[in-house]
């Protein structure tokens, strides 16, 4: 699974370099420049990629340590009393 996620991240990073749209004057929906539309779609793809990374690559040890601290009654690092 790590190789698949690594490949997805690399593809998303490569797609961010949209040099093929720099001189394109096409308008999407009659008012939105194609480059801006591309980046709006790219943002959704990037957000989905981040969700995949959190869902499938998030280290379980971090969650286990946080749950152990909470079970002992200690606050987590992000919380203030």
C-alpha atoms as a PDB file:
ATOM      1  CA  UNK A   1       0.000   0.000   0.000  1.00  0.00           C
ATOM      2  CA  UNK A   2       2.898   2.370   0.709  1.00  0.00           C
ATOM      3  CA  UNK A   3       4.153   2.072  -2.881  1.00  0.00           C
ATOM      4  CA  UNK A   4       0.700   2.886  -4.237  1.00  0.00           C
ATOM      5  CA  UNK A   5       0.372   5.933  -1.989  1.00  0.00           C
ATOM      6  CA  UNK A   6       3.887   7.048  -2.887  1.00  0.00           C
ATOM      7  CA  UNK A   7       3.019   6.762  -6.577  1.00  0.00           C
ATOM      8  CA  UNK A   8      -0.195   8.753  -6.070  1.00  0.00           C
ATOM      9  CA  UNK A   9       1.714  11.529  -4.276  1.00  0.00           C
ATOM     10  CA  UNK A  10       4.345  11.693  -7.016  1.00  0.00           C
ATOM     11  CA  UNK A  11       1.678  11.836  -9.735  1.00  0.00           C
ATOM     12  CA  UNK A  12      -0.178  14.616  -7.879  1.00  0.00           C
ATOM     13  CA  UNK A  13       3.087  16.543  -7.487  1.00  0.00           C
ATOM     14  CA  UNK A  14       3.847  16.182 -11.200  1.00  0.00           C
ATOM     15  CA  UNK A  15       0.319  17.282 -12.143  1.00  0.00           C
ATOM     16  CA  UNK A  16       0.830  20.479 -10.173  1.00  0.00           C
ATOM     17  CA  UNK A  17       3.323  21.636 -12.818  1.00  0.00           C
ATOM     18  CA  UNK A  18       0.669  22.636 -15.350  1.00  0.00           C
ATOM     19  CA  UNK A  19       2.948  24.332 -17.887  1.00  0.00           C
ATOM     20  CA  UNK A  20       0.664  23.155 -20.709  1.00  0.00           C
ATOM     21  CA  UNK A  21      -2.053  25.657 -19.650  1.00  0.00           C
ATOM     22  CA  UNK A  22       0.077  28.784 -19.319  1.00  0.00           C
ATOM     23  CA  UNK A  23      -0.856  30.233 -22.716  1.00  0.00           C
ATOM     24  CA  UNK A  24      -4.311  28.658 -23.095  1.00  0.00           C
ATOM     25  CA  UNK A  25      -7.018  31.363 -23.217  1.00  0.00           C
ATOM     26  CA  UNK A  26      -9.963  28.946 -23.016  1.00  0.00           C
ATOM     27  CA  UNK A  27     -12.757  29.878 -20.597  1.00  0.00           C
ATOM     28  CA  UNK A  28     -14.644  27.222 -18.652  1.00  0.00           C
ATOM     29  CA  UNK A  29     -18.373  27.979 -18.209  1.00  0.00           C
ATOM     30  CA  UNK A  30     -17.740  31.137 -20.233  1.00  0.00           C
ATOM     31  CA  UNK A  31     -15.924  33.063 -17.477  1.00  0.00           C
ATOM     32  CA  UNK A  32     -13.385  30.882 -15.649  1.00  0.00           C
ATOM     33  CA  UNK A  33      -9.874  30.669 -17.129  1.00  0.00           C
ATOM     34  CA  UNK A  34      -8.842  27.063 -17.764  1.00  0.00           C
ATOM     35  CA  UNK A  35      -5.764  27.388 -15.552  1.00  0.00           C
ATOM     36  CA  UNK A  36      -7.882  28.465 -12.595  1.00  0.00           C
ATOM     37  CA  UNK A  37     -10.393  25.683 -13.233  1.00  0.00           C
ATOM     38  CA  UNK A  38      -7.515  23.205 -13.421  1.00  0.00           C
ATOM     39  CA  UNK A  39      -6.174  24.373 -10.074  1.00  0.00           C
ATOM     40  CA  UNK A  40      -9.624  24.197  -8.482  1.00  0.00           C
ATOM     41  CA  UNK A  41      -9.889  20.580  -9.614  1.00  0.00           C
ATOM     42  CA  UNK A  42      -6.278  19.973  -8.579  1.00  0.00           C
ATOM     43  CA  UNK A  43      -7.087  21.248  -5.082  1.00  0.00           C
ATOM     44  CA  UNK A  44      -9.859  18.670  -4.767  1.00  0.00           C
ATOM     45  CA  UNK A  45      -7.508  15.917  -5.958  1.00  0.00           C
ATOM     46  CA  UNK A  46      -4.845  17.072  -3.481  1.00  0.00           C
ATOM     47  CA  UNK A  47      -7.382  17.077  -0.633  1.00  0.00           C
ATOM     48  CA  UNK A  48      -8.478  13.558  -1.577  1.00  0.00           C
ATOM     49  CA  UNK A  49      -4.831  12.486  -1.670  1.00  0.00           C
ATOM     50  CA  UNK A  50      -4.308  13.867   1.828  1.00  0.00           C
ATOM     51  CA  UNK A  51      -7.385  11.972   3.019  1.00  0.00           C
ATOM     52  CA  UNK A  52      -5.927   8.773   1.545  1.00  0.00           C
ATOM     53  CA  UNK A  53      -2.625   9.397   3.314  1.00  0.00           C
ATOM     54  CA  UNK A  54      -4.285  10.014   6.664  1.00  0.00           C
ATOM     55  CA  UNK A  55      -6.614   7.045   6.258  1.00  0.00           C
ATOM     56  CA  UNK A  56      -4.054   4.487   5.127  1.00  0.00           C
ATOM     57  CA  UNK A  57      -0.587   5.766   6.101  1.00  0.00           C
ATOM     58  CA  UNK A  58      -1.129   7.497   9.438  1.00  0.00           C
ATOM     59  CA  UNK A  59       1.153   5.871  12.049  1.00  0.00           C
ATOM     60  CA  UNK A  60      -0.911   3.821  14.498  1.00  0.00           C
ATOM     61  CA  UNK A  61       1.701   4.385  17.219  1.00  0.00           C
ATOM     62  CA  UNK A  62       0.775   8.071  17.467  1.00  0.00           C
ATOM     63  CA  UNK A  63      -2.869   7.262  18.094  1.00  0.00           C
ATOM     64  CA  UNK A  64      -1.998   4.525  20.590  1.00  0.00           C
ATOM     65  CA  UNK A  65       0.271   6.879  22.554  1.00  0.00           C
ATOM     66  CA  UNK A  66      -2.410   9.593  22.582  1.00  0.00           C
ATOM     67  CA  UNK A  67      -5.072   7.143  23.759  1.00  0.00           C
ATOM     68  CA  UNK A  68      -2.733   5.888  26.507  1.00  0.00           C
ATOM     69  CA  UNK A  69      -2.165   9.457  27.740  1.00  0.00           C
ATOM     70  CA  UNK A  70      -5.885  10.171  27.693  1.00  0.00           C
ATOM     71  CA  UNK A  71      -6.567   6.960  29.622  1.00  0.00           C
ATOM     72  CA  UNK A  72      -4.146   8.146  32.322  1.00  0.00           C
ATOM     73  CA  UNK A  73      -5.996  11.440  32.574  1.00  0.00           C
ATOM     74  CA  UNK A  74      -3.263  13.560  31.031  1.00  0.00           C
ATOM     75  CA  UNK A  75      -4.030  16.179  28.430  1.00  0.00           C
ATOM     76  CA  UNK A  76      -2.618  15.877  24.924  1.00  0.00           C
ATOM     77  CA  UNK A  77       0.067  18.241  23.610  1.00  0.00           C
ATOM     78  CA  UNK A  78      -2.392  20.340  21.612  1.00  0.00           C
ATOM     79  CA  UNK A  79      -4.710  21.082  24.523  1.00  0.00           C
ATOM     80  CA  UNK A  80      -4.222  23.712  27.201  1.00  0.00           C
ATOM     81  CA  UNK A  81      -5.729  23.787  30.646  1.00  0.00           C
END
